[in-house]
N, C-alpha and C. Protein backbone atom coordinates (compact mmCIF):
# COMPACT_ATOMS: atom_id res chain seq x y z
N MET A 1 -5.83 -12.40 -6.64
CA MET A 1 -4.57 -13.11 -6.67
C MET A 1 -4.79 -14.53 -7.16
N ARG A 2 -5.89 -15.12 -6.73
CA ARG A 2 -6.19 -16.48 -7.15
C ARG A 2 -6.29 -16.58 -8.68
N ASN A 3 -6.78 -15.52 -9.30
CA ASN A 3 -6.97 -15.55 -10.75
C ASN A 3 -5.72 -15.18 -11.54
N VAL A 4 -4.90 -14.28 -11.02
CA VAL A 4 -3.75 -13.80 -11.82
C VAL A 4 -2.43 -14.49 -11.48
N LEU A 5 -2.30 -14.99 -10.27
CA LEU A 5 -1.02 -15.56 -9.85
C LEU A 5 -0.59 -16.78 -10.67
N PRO A 6 -1.50 -17.69 -11.01
CA PRO A 6 -1.04 -18.84 -11.82
C PRO A 6 -0.41 -18.42 -13.16
N GLY A 7 -1.00 -17.45 -13.83
CA GLY A 7 -0.44 -16.99 -15.10
C GLY A 7 0.91 -16.32 -14.92
N MET A 8 1.04 -15.56 -13.86
CA MET A 8 2.32 -14.91 -13.59
C MET A 8 3.39 -15.94 -13.28
N ARG A 9 3.02 -16.94 -12.52
CA ARG A 9 3.99 -18.00 -12.22
C ARG A 9 4.39 -18.75 -13.48
N GLU A 10 3.44 -18.98 -14.36
CA GLU A 10 3.75 -19.65 -15.62
C GLU A 10 4.71 -18.81 -16.47
N LEU A 11 4.50 -17.50 -16.48
CA LEU A 11 5.39 -16.59 -17.23
C LEU A 11 6.73 -16.41 -16.55
N GLY A 12 6.75 -16.63 -15.23
CA GLY A 12 7.98 -16.40 -14.48
C GLY A 12 8.22 -14.95 -14.11
N ARG A 13 7.15 -14.15 -14.16
CA ARG A 13 7.26 -12.73 -13.82
C ARG A 13 5.85 -12.14 -13.71
N GLY A 14 5.80 -10.92 -13.16
CA GLY A 14 4.53 -10.22 -13.06
C GLY A 14 4.62 -9.08 -12.07
N THR A 15 3.59 -8.26 -12.09
CA THR A 15 3.50 -7.12 -11.18
C THR A 15 2.07 -7.04 -10.66
N VAL A 16 1.94 -6.84 -9.37
CA VAL A 16 0.65 -6.60 -8.74
C VAL A 16 0.77 -5.28 -8.00
N LEU A 17 -0.13 -4.35 -8.31
CA LEU A 17 -0.08 -3.03 -7.69
C LEU A 17 -1.34 -2.80 -6.85
N PHE A 18 -1.14 -2.48 -5.60
CA PHE A 18 -2.23 -2.12 -4.69
C PHE A 18 -2.23 -0.60 -4.57
N VAL A 19 -3.40 0.00 -4.61
CA VAL A 19 -3.54 1.44 -4.47
C VAL A 19 -4.45 1.71 -3.28
N ASN A 20 -3.95 2.51 -2.34
CA ASN A 20 -4.72 2.81 -1.13
C ASN A 20 -4.63 4.29 -0.80
N GLY A 21 -5.55 4.73 0.05
CA GLY A 21 -5.50 6.09 0.57
C GLY A 21 -4.55 6.17 1.74
N GLY A 22 -4.36 7.37 2.22
CA GLY A 22 -3.42 7.62 3.31
C GLY A 22 -3.77 6.91 4.60
N SER A 23 -5.05 6.60 4.81
CA SER A 23 -5.44 5.93 6.06
C SER A 23 -4.89 4.50 6.14
N ALA A 24 -4.32 4.01 5.07
CA ALA A 24 -3.69 2.69 5.10
C ALA A 24 -2.45 2.69 5.99
N VAL A 25 -1.80 3.83 6.09
CA VAL A 25 -0.57 3.92 6.87
C VAL A 25 -0.64 4.95 7.99
N GLN A 26 -1.67 5.77 7.97
CA GLN A 26 -1.85 6.78 9.00
C GLN A 26 -3.34 6.79 9.40
N PRO A 27 -3.71 5.95 10.38
CA PRO A 27 -5.12 5.83 10.77
C PRO A 27 -5.72 7.19 11.14
N HIS A 28 -7.00 7.33 10.84
CA HIS A 28 -7.70 8.58 11.11
C HIS A 28 -9.06 8.27 11.71
N THR A 29 -9.39 8.93 12.81
CA THR A 29 -10.65 8.63 13.51
C THR A 29 -11.88 8.88 12.65
N GLU A 30 -11.82 9.82 11.74
CA GLU A 30 -12.97 10.11 10.88
C GLU A 30 -13.08 9.13 9.72
N ARG A 31 -12.07 8.31 9.54
CA ARG A 31 -12.08 7.30 8.47
C ARG A 31 -11.70 5.94 9.06
N ALA A 32 -12.34 5.57 10.15
CA ALA A 32 -12.01 4.33 10.86
C ALA A 32 -12.18 3.11 9.96
N GLY A 33 -13.24 3.08 9.17
CA GLY A 33 -13.50 1.93 8.31
C GLY A 33 -12.37 1.69 7.33
N THR A 34 -11.98 2.73 6.59
CA THR A 34 -10.89 2.54 5.63
C THR A 34 -9.56 2.37 6.35
N SER A 35 -9.40 2.99 7.51
CA SER A 35 -8.15 2.82 8.26
C SER A 35 -7.93 1.35 8.59
N ILE A 36 -8.97 0.66 9.00
CA ILE A 36 -8.87 -0.75 9.36
C ILE A 36 -8.71 -1.63 8.12
N VAL A 37 -9.55 -1.42 7.14
CA VAL A 37 -9.52 -2.27 5.94
C VAL A 37 -8.24 -2.04 5.14
N PHE A 38 -7.86 -0.77 4.95
CA PHE A 38 -6.64 -0.49 4.19
C PHE A 38 -5.40 -1.02 4.90
N ALA A 39 -5.38 -0.96 6.23
CA ALA A 39 -4.24 -1.51 6.97
C ALA A 39 -4.14 -3.02 6.77
N ALA A 40 -5.28 -3.69 6.77
CA ALA A 40 -5.29 -5.13 6.53
C ALA A 40 -4.82 -5.44 5.10
N GLU A 41 -5.31 -4.68 4.15
CA GLU A 41 -4.88 -4.89 2.76
C GLU A 41 -3.38 -4.62 2.61
N SER A 42 -2.88 -3.60 3.31
CA SER A 42 -1.45 -3.30 3.27
C SER A 42 -0.63 -4.47 3.80
N ALA A 43 -1.09 -5.05 4.91
CA ALA A 43 -0.38 -6.20 5.48
C ALA A 43 -0.39 -7.37 4.50
N TYR A 44 -1.53 -7.63 3.89
CA TYR A 44 -1.64 -8.71 2.90
C TYR A 44 -0.69 -8.46 1.72
N ALA A 45 -0.70 -7.22 1.22
CA ALA A 45 0.16 -6.88 0.08
C ALA A 45 1.64 -7.04 0.46
N ARG A 46 2.00 -6.63 1.67
CA ARG A 46 3.39 -6.76 2.10
C ARG A 46 3.81 -8.22 2.20
N LEU A 47 2.92 -9.07 2.70
CA LEU A 47 3.21 -10.50 2.77
C LEU A 47 3.41 -11.06 1.36
N LEU A 48 2.56 -10.65 0.42
CA LEU A 48 2.71 -11.09 -0.97
C LEU A 48 4.04 -10.60 -1.53
N HIS A 49 4.37 -9.35 -1.27
CA HIS A 49 5.64 -8.78 -1.74
C HIS A 49 6.82 -9.64 -1.27
N ASP A 50 6.82 -9.94 0.01
CA ASP A 50 7.94 -10.71 0.58
C ASP A 50 8.00 -12.13 0.04
N GLN A 51 6.86 -12.76 -0.15
CA GLN A 51 6.83 -14.15 -0.58
C GLN A 51 7.04 -14.35 -2.08
N LEU A 52 6.54 -13.42 -2.88
CA LEU A 52 6.57 -13.62 -4.33
C LEU A 52 7.82 -13.06 -5.01
N ALA A 53 8.60 -12.27 -4.29
CA ALA A 53 9.81 -11.67 -4.88
C ALA A 53 10.74 -12.74 -5.44
N LYS A 54 10.85 -13.86 -4.74
CA LYS A 54 11.75 -14.93 -5.19
C LYS A 54 11.28 -15.58 -6.49
N GLU A 55 10.03 -15.30 -6.88
CA GLU A 55 9.48 -15.82 -8.14
C GLU A 55 9.45 -14.75 -9.23
N SER A 56 10.13 -13.63 -9.00
CA SER A 56 10.16 -12.49 -9.93
C SER A 56 8.78 -11.87 -10.14
N ILE A 57 7.95 -11.97 -9.12
CA ILE A 57 6.64 -11.31 -9.14
C ILE A 57 6.73 -10.16 -8.14
N HIS A 58 6.61 -8.94 -8.67
CA HIS A 58 6.76 -7.74 -7.85
C HIS A 58 5.39 -7.28 -7.37
N VAL A 59 5.25 -7.14 -6.06
CA VAL A 59 4.03 -6.62 -5.46
C VAL A 59 4.41 -5.30 -4.79
N ALA A 60 3.67 -4.25 -5.11
CA ALA A 60 3.95 -2.93 -4.56
C ALA A 60 2.64 -2.23 -4.23
N GLN A 61 2.77 -1.17 -3.45
CA GLN A 61 1.62 -0.39 -3.01
C GLN A 61 1.89 1.09 -3.28
N LEU A 62 0.88 1.76 -3.80
CA LEU A 62 0.92 3.21 -3.97
C LEU A 62 -0.08 3.82 -3.01
N ILE A 63 0.39 4.71 -2.15
CA ILE A 63 -0.46 5.44 -1.23
C ILE A 63 -0.77 6.80 -1.84
N ILE A 64 -2.07 7.11 -1.96
CA ILE A 64 -2.51 8.39 -2.48
C ILE A 64 -3.25 9.11 -1.36
N PRO A 65 -2.57 10.00 -0.65
CA PRO A 65 -3.24 10.74 0.42
C PRO A 65 -4.31 11.68 -0.16
N GLY A 66 -5.48 11.67 0.45
CA GLY A 66 -6.55 12.56 -0.02
C GLY A 66 -7.15 12.08 -1.33
N ALA A 67 -7.75 13.00 -2.04
CA ALA A 67 -8.51 12.66 -3.25
C ALA A 67 -7.64 12.69 -4.50
N ILE A 68 -8.01 11.84 -5.45
CA ILE A 68 -7.45 11.93 -6.80
C ILE A 68 -8.07 13.19 -7.41
N THR A 69 -7.22 14.08 -7.92
CA THR A 69 -7.69 15.41 -8.31
C THR A 69 -7.19 15.79 -9.70
N PRO A 70 -8.08 15.85 -10.69
CA PRO A 70 -7.65 16.30 -12.01
C PRO A 70 -6.99 17.67 -11.93
N GLY A 71 -5.87 17.80 -12.62
CA GLY A 71 -5.14 19.05 -12.64
C GLY A 71 -4.11 19.20 -11.52
N HIS A 72 -4.17 18.33 -10.52
CA HIS A 72 -3.21 18.40 -9.42
C HIS A 72 -1.86 17.91 -9.92
N ASP A 73 -0.77 18.56 -9.48
CA ASP A 73 0.55 18.20 -10.00
C ASP A 73 1.00 16.80 -9.61
N ARG A 74 0.45 16.22 -8.52
CA ARG A 74 0.88 14.88 -8.10
C ARG A 74 -0.25 13.86 -8.04
N LYS A 75 -1.51 14.35 -8.05
CA LYS A 75 -2.64 13.42 -7.89
C LYS A 75 -3.62 13.47 -9.05
N ASP A 76 -3.20 14.01 -10.18
CA ASP A 76 -3.99 13.96 -11.40
C ASP A 76 -4.01 12.51 -11.90
N PRO A 77 -5.13 12.03 -12.42
CA PRO A 77 -5.18 10.64 -12.87
C PRO A 77 -4.05 10.25 -13.83
N ASP A 78 -3.70 11.13 -14.77
CA ASP A 78 -2.62 10.80 -15.71
C ASP A 78 -1.26 10.73 -15.01
N VAL A 79 -1.04 11.61 -14.05
CA VAL A 79 0.21 11.59 -13.28
C VAL A 79 0.30 10.29 -12.48
N LEU A 80 -0.82 9.91 -11.86
CA LEU A 80 -0.84 8.67 -11.07
C LEU A 80 -0.64 7.44 -11.95
N ALA A 81 -1.23 7.46 -13.14
CA ALA A 81 -1.03 6.35 -14.08
C ALA A 81 0.45 6.23 -14.44
N GLY A 82 1.10 7.36 -14.66
CA GLY A 82 2.53 7.35 -14.96
C GLY A 82 3.35 6.83 -13.79
N LEU A 83 2.95 7.21 -12.58
CA LEU A 83 3.65 6.74 -11.39
C LEU A 83 3.48 5.23 -11.23
N LEU A 84 2.28 4.73 -11.45
CA LEU A 84 2.06 3.28 -11.38
C LEU A 84 2.89 2.55 -12.43
N TRP A 85 2.96 3.11 -13.63
CA TRP A 85 3.79 2.51 -14.68
C TRP A 85 5.26 2.48 -14.26
N ASP A 86 5.73 3.58 -13.67
CA ASP A 86 7.12 3.62 -13.21
C ASP A 86 7.38 2.58 -12.12
N ILE A 87 6.43 2.43 -11.20
CA ILE A 87 6.58 1.42 -10.14
C ILE A 87 6.67 0.03 -10.76
N HIS A 88 5.81 -0.24 -11.74
CA HIS A 88 5.85 -1.53 -12.45
C HIS A 88 7.18 -1.72 -13.16
N ARG A 89 7.61 -0.72 -13.86
CA ARG A 89 8.83 -0.82 -14.67
C ARG A 89 10.09 -0.93 -13.82
N GLU A 90 10.17 -0.13 -12.76
CA GLU A 90 11.38 -0.10 -11.94
C GLU A 90 11.47 -1.26 -10.97
N ARG A 91 10.32 -1.77 -10.52
CA ARG A 91 10.26 -2.97 -9.67
C ARG A 91 11.14 -2.85 -8.42
N THR A 92 11.08 -1.72 -7.76
CA THR A 92 11.87 -1.52 -6.54
C THR A 92 10.95 -1.19 -5.38
N GLY A 93 11.24 -1.78 -4.26
CA GLY A 93 10.53 -1.45 -3.03
C GLY A 93 9.08 -1.88 -3.00
N PHE A 94 8.50 -1.72 -1.83
CA PHE A 94 7.10 -2.09 -1.65
C PHE A 94 6.19 -0.86 -1.64
N ARG A 95 6.41 0.06 -0.72
CA ARG A 95 5.46 1.17 -0.55
C ARG A 95 5.99 2.44 -1.20
N HIS A 96 5.10 3.06 -1.97
CA HIS A 96 5.40 4.31 -2.66
C HIS A 96 4.29 5.31 -2.34
N PHE A 97 4.61 6.59 -2.40
CA PHE A 97 3.67 7.64 -2.06
C PHE A 97 3.50 8.60 -3.23
N ALA A 98 2.24 8.94 -3.54
CA ALA A 98 1.98 9.94 -4.57
C ALA A 98 2.45 11.30 -4.10
N GLU A 99 2.33 11.56 -2.82
CA GLU A 99 2.85 12.76 -2.18
C GLU A 99 3.00 12.46 -0.70
N PRO A 100 3.82 13.24 0.00
CA PRO A 100 4.01 12.96 1.43
C PRO A 100 2.71 13.05 2.21
N LEU A 101 2.61 12.26 3.28
CA LEU A 101 1.45 12.32 4.15
C LEU A 101 1.54 13.57 5.01
N ASP A 102 0.37 14.14 5.33
CA ASP A 102 0.33 15.25 6.29
C ASP A 102 0.61 14.69 7.67
N SER A 103 1.34 15.41 8.46
CA SER A 103 1.65 14.97 9.82
C SER A 103 0.48 15.20 10.75
């Protein structure tokens, strides 16, 4: 953020996209490390989202539950790239999901 935010402010717009696994929003005992770190990153991203919106800088998060999987209808790298592009282009909301989380 320290490196990209000044340029975005100078332009008067920008997009920052955070990508996390499902443990960012649904902690899991077998993934305690990422559950803690991703939750902290999510909180940081949300704070940025709330603070930078008034400067036309959109901060959003994409949650990808499980593994990125070539050939998967929702988690193929090309599908995810398209989803990230859509999030950038549409500039709505903070948290987006590649697919629903398992309960």
